[in-house]
Amino acid sequence: MRLATIVDGGRSVIAVVRDDRVLPVDDGSTMRHLATASPDGVDRFRGWVDARPGDRWLPLVEVELRAAVPDPGAIYTIGLNYRTPGESLDAGPDRPLVYGKLPSSVAAHGATLRWDRDVTPTVDAEVELGIVIGVEGAVFGYTIVDDVSSRDPWLDGDQWLLGKSMPGFCPVGPWIVTADEFDPTGVRLGCSINGEPIQDGRTSDMRFSVAEVIAYIGRHVRLEPGDLIVSGTPPRLSDAPGPDRHLEPGDVVTCWIEGIGDLTTTIA
């Protein structure tokens, strides 16, 4: 099942996405509320959706998407979690490196991103598999996250939270695919700027799997339904435009993950 947050009647509501149609769920629930449902509860919700008449569904192209998880309780980001080509299995950190982004940085698919370039002129996009937490630390679903990050030394050197948390630095979407319909192992993912690839990898290159990352974080803090784990990013490609190509006004960034879709952001 694909679940989005959309604007309906001027309000943010949950919606189910099927092919090119959307079914608004106008019961006051948020994605964080839905993430608290047990597997049986999700099955009952799916049955309710199946019973909805066809005239309740809207064309996907006519709705405005919000961030798939517009109000995560916490956002955990994992650093150095992808091996570079030819790297040995025992290289890299011996445990997940956990950073963070502030929930106020969340943005929607199709959003326009602008920031104060006097604060940080050098900014990159990074495709990452987003893990949406459900009850008791289980996975509720998966989404795409663009982990937009400053590359300037006064932020990237030691102020990672600030350099990753400016408004709009965490596009999330376009929707969530529930865990029962998505296998995160061996999935291809990538990122492009104006159609030129800058990343292309597979989750099989992750140093720490989804289960290992969740278990490690869960040993230290309490994971809550609706929390978001941003599981790491593949290395930049050496081919043009190359790793030194940073975001510029007018760029269109597309992050994609097979089995989920595309997440786009325009740079102003």
Protein backbone atom coordinates (compact mmCIF):
# COMPACT_ATOMS: atom_id res chain seq x y z
CA MET A 1 0.00 0.00 0.00
CA ARG A 2 1.20 3.48 -0.87
CA LEU A 3 0.34 6.22 1.59
CA ALA A 4 0.75 9.94 0.98
CA THR A 5 -0.08 13.16 2.78
CA ILE A 6 -2.00 15.53 0.52
CA VAL A 7 -3.83 18.85 0.68
CA ASP A 8 -7.60 18.34 0.56
CA GLY A 9 -9.98 21.21 1.25
CA GLY A 10 -7.10 23.30 2.55
CA ARG A 11 -6.09 20.68 5.13
CA SER A 12 -3.41 18.00 5.24
CA VAL A 13 -4.95 14.52 5.12
CA ILE A 14 -3.71 10.97 4.63
CA ALA A 15 -4.34 9.50 1.20
CA VAL A 16 -3.93 6.10 -0.44
CA VAL A 17 -2.21 6.09 -3.84
CA ARG A 18 -3.02 3.47 -6.46
CA ASP A 19 -1.57 3.89 -9.93
CA ASP A 20 -2.67 7.37 -11.01
CA ARG A 21 -5.45 7.81 -8.44
CA VAL A 22 -5.62 9.03 -4.85
CA LEU A 23 -8.18 8.31 -2.12
CA PRO A 24 -8.29 10.97 0.65
CA VAL A 25 -8.84 9.58 4.15
CA ASP A 26 -10.59 12.42 5.93
CA ASP A 27 -10.84 11.08 9.48
CA GLY A 28 -8.41 13.46 11.18
CA SER A 29 -5.56 10.94 11.32
CA THR A 30 -1.96 11.83 10.51
CA MET A 31 0.75 9.56 9.18
CA ARG A 32 2.18 9.32 12.69
CA HIS A 33 -1.23 8.11 13.94
CA LEU A 34 -1.44 5.50 11.19
CA ALA A 35 2.09 4.29 12.03
CA THR A 36 0.81 3.25 15.47
CA ALA A 37 -1.50 0.66 13.88
CA SER A 38 -0.79 -3.03 14.36
CA PRO A 39 -0.49 -5.28 11.28
CA ASP A 40 -4.12 -6.29 11.86
CA GLY A 41 -5.08 -2.63 11.97
CA VAL A 42 -3.31 -1.99 8.67
CA ASP A 43 -5.16 -4.95 7.15
CA ARG A 44 -8.49 -3.53 8.36
CA PHE A 45 -7.56 -0.16 6.88
CA ARG A 46 -6.74 -1.84 3.57
CA GLY A 47 -10.14 -3.52 3.60
CA TRP A 48 -11.82 -0.16 4.21
CA VAL A 49 -9.94 1.28 1.24
CA ASP A 50 -11.00 -1.60 -1.00
CA ALA A 51 -14.64 -0.91 -0.16
CA ARG A 52 -14.54 2.76 -1.17
CA PRO A 53 -16.54 3.58 -4.32
CA GLY A 54 -14.66 4.68 -7.42
CA ASP A 55 -16.04 8.21 -7.36
CA ARG A 56 -14.19 8.91 -4.09
CA TRP A 57 -10.83 8.60 -5.85
CA LEU A 58 -9.11 11.66 -7.32
CA PRO A 59 -6.57 11.96 -10.16
CA LEU A 60 -3.07 12.00 -8.71
CA VAL A 61 -1.99 14.85 -11.00
CA GLU A 62 -4.66 17.11 -9.50
CA VAL A 63 -3.61 16.86 -5.84
CA GLU A 64 -0.89 18.70 -3.95
CA LEU A 65 1.48 16.43 -2.07
CA ARG A 66 2.87 17.32 1.33
CA ALA A 67 5.89 15.63 2.92
CA ALA A 68 5.03 11.95 3.26
CA VAL A 69 5.74 12.22 7.00
CA PRO A 70 5.08 15.93 7.65
CA ASP A 71 5.66 15.80 11.41
CA PRO A 72 8.22 13.12 12.35
CA GLY A 73 8.94 12.96 16.05
CA ALA A 74 12.65 12.45 15.36
CA ILE A 75 14.91 12.11 12.33
CA TYR A 76 18.02 9.94 12.64
CA THR A 77 20.60 9.99 9.82
CA ILE A 78 23.26 7.35 9.29
CA GLY A 79 26.72 8.35 8.04
CA LEU A 80 29.25 6.38 5.97
CA ASN A 81 26.82 3.49 5.51
CA TYR A 82 27.66 2.61 1.89
CA ARG A 83 30.82 0.91 0.74
CA THR A 84 32.76 2.44 -2.11
CA PRO A 85 33.55 0.23 -5.15
CA GLY A 86 36.31 -2.25 -4.34
CA GLU A 87 36.22 -1.58 -0.62
CA SER A 88 36.78 -4.59 1.65
CA LEU A 89 33.97 -5.85 3.85
CA ASP A 90 35.84 -4.99 7.04
CA ALA A 91 36.59 -1.37 6.07
CA GLY A 92 34.74 1.57 7.57
CA PRO A 93 33.15 2.10 11.00
CA ASP A 94 32.41 -0.86 13.25
CA ARG A 95 29.03 0.55 14.30
CA PRO A 96 26.44 2.84 12.69
CA LEU A 97 27.33 6.55 12.82
CA VAL A 98 24.16 8.33 13.94
CA TYR A 99 23.61 12.03 13.26
CA GLY A 100 20.32 13.88 12.99
CA LYS A 101 18.12 16.38 11.21
CA LEU A 102 15.53 18.59 12.86
CA PRO A 103 11.87 17.85 11.98
CA SER A 104 11.49 21.49 10.92
CA SER A 105 13.68 20.72 7.86
CA VAL A 106 11.06 18.42 6.28
CA ALA A 107 9.75 19.37 2.82
CA ALA A 108 7.44 17.88 0.19
CA HIS A 109 7.94 16.28 -3.19
CA GLY A 110 7.98 19.05 -5.78
CA ALA A 111 9.02 21.74 -3.30
CA THR A 112 11.30 24.66 -4.14
CA LEU A 113 14.37 24.86 -1.91
CA ARG A 114 16.08 28.15 -1.09
CA TRP A 115 18.54 28.98 1.67
CA ASP A 116 20.81 31.78 2.85
CA ARG A 117 23.96 31.37 0.78
CA ASP A 118 25.83 33.72 3.10
CA VAL A 119 25.47 30.99 5.73
CA THR A 120 26.40 28.07 3.46
CA PRO A 121 27.08 28.52 -0.26
CA THR A 122 28.09 24.89 -0.82
CA VAL A 123 25.21 22.40 -0.54
CA ASP A 124 24.70 18.86 -1.88
CA ALA A 125 21.77 16.53 -2.50
CA GLU A 126 21.94 12.91 -1.28
CA VAL A 127 19.48 10.12 -2.04
CA GLU A 128 18.65 7.89 0.92
CA LEU A 129 16.19 5.14 1.77
CA GLY A 130 13.92 6.48 4.50
CA ILE A 131 12.63 4.06 7.14
CA VAL A 132 9.37 5.02 8.84
CA ILE A 133 9.11 3.45 12.28
CA GLY A 134 5.94 1.73 13.46
CA VAL A 135 4.93 0.14 16.75
CA GLU A 136 7.62 -1.31 19.06
CA GLY A 137 10.44 -0.34 16.71
CA ALA A 138 9.08 -2.33 13.77
CA VAL A 139 9.16 -0.88 10.26
CA PHE A 140 5.91 0.74 9.19
CA GLY A 141 7.11 1.59 5.69
CA TYR A 142 9.74 3.05 3.41
CA THR A 143 10.08 6.32 1.56
CA ILE A 144 12.67 8.46 -0.26
CA VAL A 145 14.64 11.14 1.55
CA ASP A 146 16.91 13.76 0.01
CA ASP A 147 19.41 14.38 2.81
CA VAL A 148 20.37 17.90 1.70
CA SER A 149 23.60 18.81 3.46
CA SER A 150 26.03 21.72 3.76
CA ARG A 151 29.55 20.99 2.56
CA ASP A 152 31.20 24.09 3.99
CA PRO A 153 33.83 23.30 6.65
CA TRP A 154 32.30 25.48 9.36
CA LEU A 155 29.18 23.28 9.20
CA ASP A 156 30.23 19.99 7.60
CA GLY A 157 33.32 19.83 9.78
CA ASP A 158 31.60 19.52 13.16
CA GLN A 159 28.13 21.13 13.07
CA TRP A 160 26.30 18.38 11.20
CA LEU A 161 22.93 18.97 12.86
CA LEU A 162 22.92 22.62 11.76
CA GLY A 163 24.32 21.84 8.32
CA LYS A 164 21.58 19.27 7.68
CA SER A 165 18.61 21.02 9.28
CA MET A 166 17.96 24.28 7.46
CA PRO A 167 14.35 24.74 6.30
CA GLY A 168 13.64 22.44 3.35
CA PHE A 169 16.83 20.39 3.76
CA CYS A 170 14.84 17.15 4.20
CA PRO A 171 12.48 16.45 1.28
CA VAL A 172 10.49 13.28 2.08
CA GLY A 173 8.21 11.44 -0.32
CA PRO A 174 6.50 11.28 -2.61
CA TRP A 175 4.76 8.63 -0.47
CA ILE A 176 5.37 5.71 1.86
CA VAL A 177 5.29 2.09 0.70
CA THR A 178 4.21 -0.09 3.60
CA ALA A 179 6.70 -2.68 4.82
CA ASP A 180 4.61 -5.65 3.66
CA GLU A 181 5.01 -4.51 0.04
CA PHE A 182 8.69 -3.50 -0.07
CA ASP A 183 11.89 -5.51 0.38
CA PRO A 184 14.78 -3.11 1.15
CA THR A 185 17.56 -5.56 0.30
CA GLY A 186 19.38 -5.08 -3.01
CA VAL A 187 17.24 -2.14 -4.14
CA ARG A 188 18.72 0.27 -6.67
CA LEU A 189 18.69 3.98 -5.81
CA GLY A 190 20.18 7.14 -7.30
CA CYS A 191 20.12 10.89 -7.70
CA SER A 192 20.42 13.25 -10.68
CA ILE A 193 20.77 16.98 -11.21
CA ASN A 194 18.97 18.22 -14.32
CA GLY A 195 18.88 14.65 -15.60
CA GLU A 196 22.62 14.02 -15.11
CA PRO A 197 23.32 11.16 -12.65
CA ILE A 198 25.37 12.00 -9.56
CA GLN A 199 24.64 8.80 -7.58
CA ASP A 200 23.72 5.23 -8.54
CA GLY A 201 23.95 2.43 -6.01
CA ARG A 202 22.21 -0.49 -4.32
CA THR A 203 21.15 -1.04 -0.73
CA SER A 204 23.15 -4.28 -0.81
CA ASP A 205 26.21 -2.00 -0.48
CA MET A 206 25.06 -0.80 2.94
CA ARG A 207 27.52 -1.58 5.73
CA PHE A 208 24.68 -1.94 8.22
CA SER A 209 21.31 -3.31 7.16
CA VAL A 210 17.96 -1.78 7.98
CA ALA A 211 17.50 -4.26 10.84
CA GLU A 212 20.99 -3.58 12.22
CA VAL A 213 20.51 0.19 12.12
CA ILE A 214 17.15 -0.02 13.90
CA ALA A 215 18.53 -2.40 16.54
CA TYR A 216 21.53 -0.16 17.20
CA ILE A 217 19.50 3.03 17.58
CA GLY A 218 16.89 1.22 19.64
CA ARG A 219 19.50 0.12 22.19
CA HIS A 220 20.18 3.78 23.02
CA VAL A 221 16.91 5.67 22.55
CA ARG A 222 13.20 4.89 22.37
CA LEU A 223 11.98 4.79 18.79
CA GLU A 224 8.41 6.05 18.38
CA PRO A 225 5.86 5.49 15.60
CA GLY A 226 6.37 8.08 12.90
CA ASP A 227 10.09 8.54 13.60
CA LEU A 228 12.22 8.61 10.46
CA ILE A 229 15.58 6.91 9.94
CA VAL A 230 17.60 8.13 6.95
CA SER A 231 19.76 5.10 6.25
CA GLY A 232 22.78 6.47 4.37
CA THR A 233 23.74 7.48 0.86
CA PRO A 234 25.75 5.86 -1.98
CA PRO A 235 29.03 7.50 -3.02
CA ARG A 236 29.06 10.23 -5.65
CA LEU A 237 29.85 9.15 -9.22
CA SER A 238 33.18 10.26 -10.63
CA ASP A 239 31.69 10.83 -14.10
CA ALA A 240 30.49 14.30 -15.12
CA PRO A 241 29.12 16.40 -13.50
CA GLY A 242 31.33 14.86 -10.79
CA PRO A 243 31.47 15.03 -7.00
CA ASP A 244 32.41 18.73 -6.97
CA ARG A 245 29.14 19.75 -8.64
CA HIS A 246 27.08 21.40 -5.89
CA LEU A 247 23.52 22.71 -6.02
CA GLU A 248 22.88 25.91 -7.99
CA PRO A 249 19.78 28.06 -8.64
CA GLY A 250 17.60 26.54 -11.34
CA ASP A 251 18.68 22.95 -10.67
CA VAL A 252 16.07 20.20 -10.57
CA VAL A 253 17.12 17.37 -8.26
CA THR A 254 15.55 13.93 -8.66
CA CYS A 255 16.10 11.23 -6.06
CA TRP A 256 14.74 7.80 -7.05
CA ILE A 257 14.42 4.39 -5.48
CA GLU A 258 13.12 1.42 -7.43
CA GLY A 259 9.85 0.18 -6.02
CA ILE A 260 9.02 3.56 -4.49
CA GLY A 261 9.29 6.29 -7.16
CA ASP A 262 10.84 9.72 -7.70
CA LEU A 263 11.29 12.65 -5.33
CA THR A 264 11.98 16.00 -7.02
CA THR A 265 13.14 19.35 -5.67
CA THR A 266 13.78 22.60 -7.53
CA ILE A 267 16.65 24.81 -6.31
CA ALA A 268 16.03 28.56 -6.15
